[in-house]
Amino acid sequence: MKSIIIDREKLPETIISYIRSEKIRLVEENGTITLSPVFDTYGILEKSFGMFSDGTLSSERFIKEKAREKELER
């Protein structure tokens, strides 16, 4: 099975008129080609801020807080 993600403009208008996403997954398996929409290619990475996905605490701030905790323990 082979799978790739392509931009919609790579396909003819007659095909993309059925698919509403900007990215399309093309899968070939045993001679059959399947096209499916991809709405969130790298959503988790794009939404992530630092090491926490909710964006409330960046990795830099986390490291600073841990360093501050070590200072207080001394």
PDB file of N, CA and C in Angstrom:
ATOM      1  N   MET A   1       0.848  -1.178   0.000  1.00  0.00           N
ATOM      2  CA  MET A   1       0.000   0.000   0.000  1.00  0.00           C
ATOM      3  C   MET A   1       0.890   1.236   0.000  1.00  0.00           C
ATOM      4  N   LYS A   2       0.607   2.150  -0.890  1.00  0.00           N
ATOM      5  CA  LYS A   2       1.324   3.412  -0.961  1.00  0.00           C
ATOM      6  C   LYS A   2       0.349   4.530  -0.635  1.00  0.00           C
ATOM      7  N   SER A   3       0.833   5.548   0.067  1.00  0.00           N
ATOM      8  CA  SER A   3      -0.023   6.665   0.438  1.00  0.00           C
ATOM      9  C   SER A   3       0.787   7.956   0.373  1.00  0.00           C
ATOM     10  N   ILE A   4       0.200   8.985  -0.232  1.00  0.00           N
ATOM     11  CA  ILE A   4       0.816  10.312  -0.260  1.00  0.00           C
ATOM     12  C   ILE A   4      -0.271  11.357  -0.053  1.00  0.00           C
ATOM     13  N   ILE A   5       0.139  12.535   0.348  1.00  0.00           N
ATOM     14  CA  ILE A   5      -0.781  13.664   0.479  1.00  0.00           C
ATOM     15  C   ILE A   5      -0.387  14.688  -0.565  1.00  0.00           C
ATOM     16  N   ILE A   6      -1.368  15.144  -1.342  1.00  0.00           N
ATOM     17  CA  ILE A   6      -1.110  16.088  -2.424  1.00  0.00           C
ATOM     18  C   ILE A   6      -1.991  17.320  -2.266  1.00  0.00           C
ATOM     19  N   ASP A   7      -1.589  18.406  -2.906  1.00  0.00           N
ATOM     20  CA  ASP A   7      -2.408  19.606  -2.957  1.00  0.00           C
ATOM     21  C   ASP A   7      -3.524  19.409  -3.971  1.00  0.00           C
ATOM     22  N   ARG A   8      -4.664  20.020  -3.715  1.00  0.00           N
ATOM     23  CA  ARG A   8      -5.828  19.834  -4.577  1.00  0.00           C
ATOM     24  C   ARG A   8      -5.604  20.320  -6.004  1.00  0.00           C
ATOM     25  N   GLU A   9      -4.740  21.317  -6.200  1.00  0.00           N
ATOM     26  CA  GLU A   9      -4.527  21.835  -7.558  1.00  0.00           C
ATOM     27  C   GLU A   9      -3.780  20.857  -8.463  1.00  0.00           C
ATOM     28  N   LYS A  10      -3.272  19.779  -7.886  1.00  0.00           N
ATOM     29  CA  LYS A  10      -2.596  18.750  -8.689  1.00  0.00           C
ATOM     30  C   LYS A  10      -3.590  17.879  -9.453  1.00  0.00           C
ATOM     31  N   LEU A  11      -4.869  17.947  -9.074  1.00  0.00           N
ATOM     32  CA  LEU A  11      -5.896  17.107  -9.685  1.00  0.00           C
ATOM     33  C   LEU A  11      -6.789  17.921 -10.623  1.00  0.00           C
ATOM     34  N   PRO A  12      -7.420  17.269 -11.588  1.00  0.00           N
ATOM     35  CA  PRO A  12      -8.337  17.983 -12.485  1.00  0.00           C
ATOM     36  C   PRO A  12      -9.582  18.474 -11.744  1.00  0.00           C
ATOM     37  N   GLU A  13     -10.181  19.521 -12.250  1.00  0.00           N
ATOM     38  CA  GLU A  13     -11.344  20.152 -11.630  1.00  0.00           C
ATOM     39  C   GLU A  13     -12.502  19.171 -11.430  1.00  0.00           C
ATOM     40  N   THR A  14     -12.689  18.245 -12.345  1.00  0.00           N
ATOM     41  CA  THR A  14     -13.801  17.294 -12.207  1.00  0.00           C
ATOM     42  C   THR A  14     -13.658  16.433 -10.951  1.00  0.00           C
ATOM     43  N   ILE A  15     -12.444  16.161 -10.536  1.00  0.00           N
ATOM     44  CA  ILE A  15     -12.231  15.365  -9.327  1.00  0.00           C
ATOM     45  C   ILE A  15     -12.301  16.242  -8.085  1.00  0.00           C
ATOM     46  N   ILE A  16     -11.635  17.397  -8.096  1.00  0.00           N
ATOM     47  CA  ILE A  16     -11.599  18.225  -6.884  1.00  0.00           C
ATOM     48  C   ILE A  16     -12.941  18.870  -6.570  1.00  0.00           C
ATOM     49  N   SER A  17     -13.867  18.861  -7.528  1.00  0.00           N
ATOM     50  CA  SER A  17     -15.193  19.404  -7.231  1.00  0.00           C
ATOM     51  C   SER A  17     -15.921  18.551  -6.194  1.00  0.00           C
ATOM     52  N   TYR A  18     -15.463  17.325  -5.978  1.00  0.00           N
ATOM     53  CA  TYR A  18     -16.068  16.442  -4.996  1.00  0.00           C
ATOM     54  C   TYR A  18     -15.383  16.492  -3.644  1.00  0.00           C
ATOM     55  N   ILE A  19     -14.210  17.083  -3.580  1.00  0.00           N
ATOM     56  CA  ILE A  19     -13.425  17.094  -2.345  1.00  0.00           C
ATOM     57  C   ILE A  19     -13.190  18.536  -1.925  1.00  0.00           C
ATOM     58  N   ARG A  20     -13.558  18.884  -0.692  1.00  0.00           N
ATOM     59  CA  ARG A  20     -13.523  20.270  -0.226  1.00  0.00           C
ATOM     60  C   ARG A  20     -12.262  20.680   0.526  1.00  0.00           C
ATOM     61  N   SER A  21     -11.347  19.779   0.763  1.00  0.00           N
ATOM     62  CA  SER A  21     -10.156  20.129   1.536  1.00  0.00           C
ATOM     63  C   SER A  21      -9.032  20.609   0.611  1.00  0.00           C
ATOM     64  N   GLU A  22      -8.052  21.294   1.191  1.00  0.00           N
ATOM     65  CA  GLU A  22      -6.896  21.777   0.430  1.00  0.00           C
ATOM     66  C   GLU A  22      -5.896  20.663   0.153  1.00  0.00           C
ATOM     67  N   LYS A  23      -5.850  19.678   1.053  1.00  0.00           N
ATOM     68  CA  LYS A  23      -4.950  18.534   0.898  1.00  0.00           C
ATOM     69  C   LYS A  23      -5.790  17.281   0.682  1.00  0.00           C
ATOM     70  N   ILE A  24      -5.251  16.371  -0.121  1.00  0.00           N
ATOM     71  CA  ILE A  24      -5.961  15.142  -0.451  1.00  0.00           C
ATOM     72  C   ILE A  24      -5.009  13.966  -0.286  1.00  0.00           C
ATOM     73  N   ARG A  25      -5.485  12.941   0.418  1.00  0.00           N
ATOM     74  CA  ARG A  25      -4.682  11.727   0.588  1.00  0.00           C
ATOM     75  C   ARG A  25      -4.994  10.795  -0.575  1.00  0.00           C
ATOM     76  N   LEU A  26      -3.944  10.361  -1.257  1.00  0.00           N
ATOM     77  CA  LEU A  26      -4.052   9.423  -2.364  1.00  0.00           C
ATOM     78  C   LEU A  26      -3.450   8.103  -1.898  1.00  0.00           C
ATOM     79  N   VAL A  27      -4.273   7.045  -1.896  1.00  0.00           N
ATOM     80  CA  VAL A  27      -3.822   5.734  -1.434  1.00  0.00           C
ATOM     81  C   VAL A  27      -3.982   4.742  -2.573  1.00  0.00           C
ATOM     82  N   GLU A  28      -2.914   4.013  -2.872  1.00  0.00           N
ATOM     83  CA  GLU A  28      -2.957   2.955  -3.886  1.00  0.00           C
ATOM     84  C   GLU A  28      -2.760   1.635  -3.176  1.00  0.00           C
ATOM     85  N   GLU A  29      -3.701   0.723  -3.390  1.00  0.00           N
ATOM     86  CA  GLU A  29      -3.605  -0.589  -2.769  1.00  0.00           C
ATOM     87  C   GLU A  29      -4.172  -1.632  -3.721  1.00  0.00           C
ATOM     88  N   ASN A  30      -3.323  -2.540  -4.133  1.00  0.00           N
ATOM     89  CA  ASN A  30      -3.719  -3.611  -5.053  1.00  0.00           C
ATOM     90  C   ASN A  30      -4.356  -3.078  -6.339  1.00  0.00           C
ATOM     91  N   GLY A  31      -3.811  -2.015  -6.867  1.00  0.00           N
ATOM     92  CA  GLY A  31      -4.312  -1.458  -8.119  1.00  0.00           C
ATOM     93  C   GLY A  31      -5.503  -0.531  -7.984  1.00  0.00           C
ATOM     94  N   THR A  32      -6.024  -0.356  -6.773  1.00  0.00           N
ATOM     95  CA  THR A  32      -7.151   0.538  -6.535  1.00  0.00           C
ATOM     96  C   THR A  32      -6.639   1.831  -5.920  1.00  0.00           C
ATOM     97  N   ILE A  33      -7.063   2.958  -6.486  1.00  0.00           N
ATOM     98  CA  ILE A  33      -6.654   4.269  -5.977  1.00  0.00           C
ATOM     99  C   ILE A  33      -7.832   4.899  -5.260  1.00  0.00           C
ATOM    100  N   THR A  34      -7.588   5.335  -4.026  1.00  0.00           N
ATOM    101  CA  THR A  34      -8.616   5.976  -3.213  1.00  0.00           C
ATOM    102  C   THR A  34      -8.173   7.394  -2.888  1.00  0.00           C
ATOM    103  N   LEU A  35      -9.070   8.358  -3.060  1.00  0.00           N
ATOM    104  CA  LEU A  35      -8.814   9.745  -2.703  1.00  0.00           C
ATOM    105  C   LEU A  35      -9.688  10.098  -1.512  1.00  0.00           C
ATOM    106  N   SER A  36      -9.095  10.771  -0.529  1.00  0.00           N
ATOM    107  CA  SER A  36      -9.880  11.203   0.623  1.00  0.00           C
ATOM    108  C   SER A  36      -9.369  12.561   1.106  1.00  0.00           C
ATOM    109  N   PRO A  37     -10.273  13.390   1.638  1.00  0.00           N
ATOM    110  CA  PRO A  37      -9.862  14.721   2.102  1.00  0.00           C
ATOM    111  C   PRO A  37      -9.009  14.639   3.356  1.00  0.00           C
ATOM    112  N   VAL A  38      -8.087  15.570   3.471  1.00  0.00           N
ATOM    113  CA  VAL A  38      -7.266  15.708   4.669  1.00  0.00           C
ATOM    114  C   VAL A  38      -7.508  17.115   5.174  1.00  0.00           C
ATOM    115  N   PHE A  39      -8.207  17.229   6.292  1.00  0.00           N
ATOM    116  CA  PHE A  39      -8.557  18.545   6.807  1.00  0.00           C
ATOM    117  C   PHE A  39      -7.534  19.096   7.778  1.00  0.00           C
ATOM    118  N   ASP A  40      -6.754  18.220   8.413  1.00  0.00           N
ATOM    119  CA  ASP A  40      -5.837  18.665   9.444  1.00  0.00           C
ATOM    120  C   ASP A  40      -4.523  17.910   9.316  1.00  0.00           C
ATOM    121  N   THR A  41      -3.700  18.289   8.346  1.00  0.00           N
ATOM    122  CA  THR A  41      -2.468  17.566   8.069  1.00  0.00           C
ATOM    123  C   THR A  41      -1.545  17.502   9.269  1.00  0.00           C
ATOM    124  N   TYR A  42      -1.208  18.645   9.842  1.00  0.00           N
ATOM    125  CA  TYR A  42      -0.299  18.689  10.987  1.00  0.00           C
ATOM    126  C   TYR A  42      -0.901  19.562  12.077  1.00  0.00           C
ATOM    127  N   GLY A  43      -2.169  19.393  12.324  1.00  0.00           N
ATOM    128  CA  GLY A  43      -2.890  20.241  13.271  1.00  0.00           C
ATOM    129  C   GLY A  43      -2.278  20.288  14.640  1.00  0.00           C
ATOM    130  N   ILE A  44      -1.863  19.170  15.142  1.00  0.00           N
ATOM    131  CA  ILE A  44      -1.299  19.138  16.489  1.00  0.00           C
ATOM    132  C   ILE A  44      -0.028  19.970  16.545  1.00  0.00           C
ATOM    133  N   LEU A  45       0.828  19.841  15.543  1.00  0.00           N
ATOM    134  CA  LEU A  45       2.074  20.602  15.535  1.00  0.00           C
ATOM    135  C   LEU A  45       1.826  22.086  15.347  1.00  0.00           C
ATOM    136  N   GLU A  46       0.872  22.435  14.477  1.00  0.00           N
ATOM    137  CA  GLU A  46       0.593  23.845  14.233  1.00  0.00           C
ATOM    138  C   GLU A  46      -0.001  24.523  15.455  1.00  0.00           C
ATOM    139  N   LYS A  47      -0.811  23.789  16.227  1.00  0.00           N
ATOM    140  CA  LYS A  47      -1.463  24.363  17.395  1.00  0.00           C
ATOM    141  C   LYS A  47      -0.575  24.348  18.622  1.00  0.00           C
ATOM    142  N   SER A  48       0.462  23.541  18.603  1.00  0.00           N
ATOM    143  CA  SER A  48       1.324  23.410  19.771  1.00  0.00           C
ATOM    144  C   SER A  48       2.146  24.670  19.979  1.00  0.00           C
ATOM    145  N   PHE A  49       2.383  24.955  21.214  1.00  0.00           N
ATOM    146  CA  PHE A  49       3.242  26.071  21.560  1.00  0.00           C
ATOM    147  C   PHE A  49       4.229  25.542  22.570  1.00  0.00           C
ATOM    148  N   GLY A  50       5.477  25.434  22.182  1.00  0.00           N
ATOM    149  CA  GLY A  50       6.449  24.828  23.069  1.00  0.00           C
ATOM    150  C   GLY A  50       6.151  23.353  23.212  1.00  0.00           C
ATOM    151  N   MET A  51       6.131  22.867  24.436  1.00  0.00           N
ATOM    152  CA  MET A  51       5.904  21.445  24.637  1.00  0.00           C
ATOM    153  C   MET A  51       4.493  21.120  25.095  1.00  0.00           C
ATOM    154  N   PHE A  52       3.650  22.122  25.299  1.00  0.00           N
ATOM    155  CA  PHE A  52       2.289  21.900  25.764  1.00  0.00           C
ATOM    156  C   PHE A  52       1.304  22.314  24.675  1.00  0.00           C
ATOM    157  N   SER A  53       0.434  21.397  24.305  1.00  0.00           N
ATOM    158  CA  SER A  53      -0.441  21.640  23.166  1.00  0.00           C
ATOM    159  C   SER A  53      -1.505  22.689  23.427  1.00  0.00           C
ATOM    160  N   ASP A  54      -1.840  22.962  24.686  1.00  0.00           N
ATOM    161  CA  ASP A  54      -2.876  23.958  24.930  1.00  0.00           C
ATOM    162  C   ASP A  54      -2.326  25.385  24.899  1.00  0.00           C
ATOM    163  N   GLY A  55      -1.025  25.545  24.804  1.00  0.00           N
ATOM    164  CA  GLY A  55      -0.416  26.859  24.649  1.00  0.00           C
ATOM    165  C   GLY A  55      -0.330  27.675  25.916  1.00  0.00           C
ATOM    166  N   THR A  56      -0.685  27.105  27.067  1.00  0.00           N
ATOM    167  CA  THR A  56      -0.671  27.889  28.293  1.00  0.00           C
ATOM    168  C   THR A  56       0.710  28.015  28.908  1.00  0.00           C
ATOM    169  N   LEU A  57       1.601  27.095  28.606  1.00  0.00           N
ATOM    170  CA  LEU A  57       2.932  27.128  29.192  1.00  0.00           C
ATOM    171  C   LEU A  57       3.951  26.722  28.137  1.00  0.00           C
ATOM    172  N   SER A  58       4.796  27.652  27.751  1.00  0.00           N
ATOM    173  CA  SER A  58       5.813  27.340  26.744  1.00  0.00           C
ATOM    174  C   SER A  58       6.932  26.523  27.378  1.00  0.00           C
ATOM    175  N   SER A  59       7.697  25.867  26.547  1.00  0.00           N
ATOM    176  CA  SER A  59       8.813  25.072  27.065  1.00  0.00           C
ATOM    177  C   SER A  59       9.859  25.967  27.721  1.00  0.00           C
ATOM    178  N   GLU A  60      10.050  27.174  27.197  1.00  0.00           N
ATOM    179  CA  GLU A  60      11.016  28.104  27.793  1.00  0.00           C
ATOM    180  C   GLU A  60      10.591  28.505  29.203  1.00  0.00           C
ATOM    181  N   ARG A  61       9.298  28.818  29.341  1.00  0.00           N
ATOM    182  CA  ARG A  61       8.789  29.207  30.656  1.00  0.00           C
ATOM    183  C   ARG A  61       8.866  28.027  31.630  1.00  0.00           C
ATOM    184  N   PHE A  62       8.587  26.819  31.149  1.00  0.00           N
ATOM    185  CA  PHE A  62       8.672  25.621  31.975  1.00  0.00           C
ATOM    186  C   PHE A  62      10.089  25.439  32.511  1.00  0.00           C
ATOM    187  N   ILE A  63      11.091  25.601  31.638  1.00  0.00           N
ATOM    188  CA  ILE A  63      12.491  25.447  32.048  1.00  0.00           C
ATOM    189  C   ILE A  63      12.866  26.504  33.086  1.00  0.00           C
ATOM    190  N   LYS A  64      12.400  27.735  32.865  1.00  0.00           N
ATOM    191  CA  LYS A  64      12.689  28.797  33.843  1.00  0.00           C
ATOM    192  C   LYS A  64      12.061  28.486  35.194  1.00  0.00           C
ATOM    193  N   GLU A  65      10.846  27.994  35.197  1.00  0.00           N
ATOM    194  CA  GLU A  65      10.184  27.661  36.458  1.00  0.00           C
ATOM    195  C   GLU A  65      10.898  26.517  37.173  1.00  0.00           C
ATOM    196  N   LYS A  66      11.364  25.520  36.423  1.00  0.00           N
ATOM    197  CA  LYS A  66      12.102  24.413  37.037  1.00  0.00           C
ATOM    198  C   LYS A  66      13.417  24.903  37.629  1.00  0.00           C
ATOM    199  N   ALA A  67      14.097  25.810  36.937  1.00  0.00           N
ATOM    200  CA  ALA A  67      15.342  26.375  37.463  1.00  0.00           C
ATOM    201  C   ALA A  67      15.062  27.166  38.739  1.00  0.00           C
ATOM    202  N   ARG A  68      13.964  27.913  38.755  1.00  0.00           N
ATOM    203  CA  ARG A  68      13.580  28.683  39.928  1.00  0.00           C
ATOM    204  C   ARG A  68      13.276  27.749  41.105  1.00  0.00           C
ATOM    205  N   GLU A  69      12.616  26.632  40.840  1.00  0.00           N
ATOM    206  CA  GLU A  69      12.332  25.651  41.881  1.00  0.00           C
ATOM    207  C   GLU A  69      13.618  25.086  42.467  1.00  0.00           C
ATOM    208  N   LYS A  70      14.612  24.805  41.637  1.00  0.00           N
ATOM    209  CA  LYS A  70      15.888  24.297  42.127  1.00  0.00           C
ATOM    210  C   LYS A  70      16.592  25.322  43.005  1.00  0.00           C
ATOM    211  N   GLU A  71      16.502  26.601  42.622  1.00  0.00           N
ATOM    212  CA  GLU A  71      17.114  27.655  43.413  1.00  0.00           C
ATOM    213  C   GLU A  71      16.471  27.731  44.794  1.00  0.00           C
ATOM    214  N   LEU A  72      15.158  27.577  44.830  1.00  0.00           N
ATOM    215  CA  LEU A  72      14.440  27.650  46.119  1.00  0.00           C
ATOM    216  C   LEU A  72      14.756  26.454  47.007  1.00  0.00           C
ATOM    217  N   GLU A  73      15.094  25.317  46.421  1.00  0.00           N
ATOM    218  CA  GLU A  73      15.417  24.121  47.204  1.00  0.00           C
ATOM    219  C   GLU A  73      16.785  24.239  47.873  1.00  0.00           C
ATOM    220  N   ARG A  74      17.648  25.099  47.405  1.00  0.00           N
ATOM    221  CA  ARG A  74      19.008  25.236  47.976  1.00  0.00           C
ATOM    222  C   ARG A  74      19.015  25.999  49.249  1.00  0.00           C
TER     223      ARG A  74
END
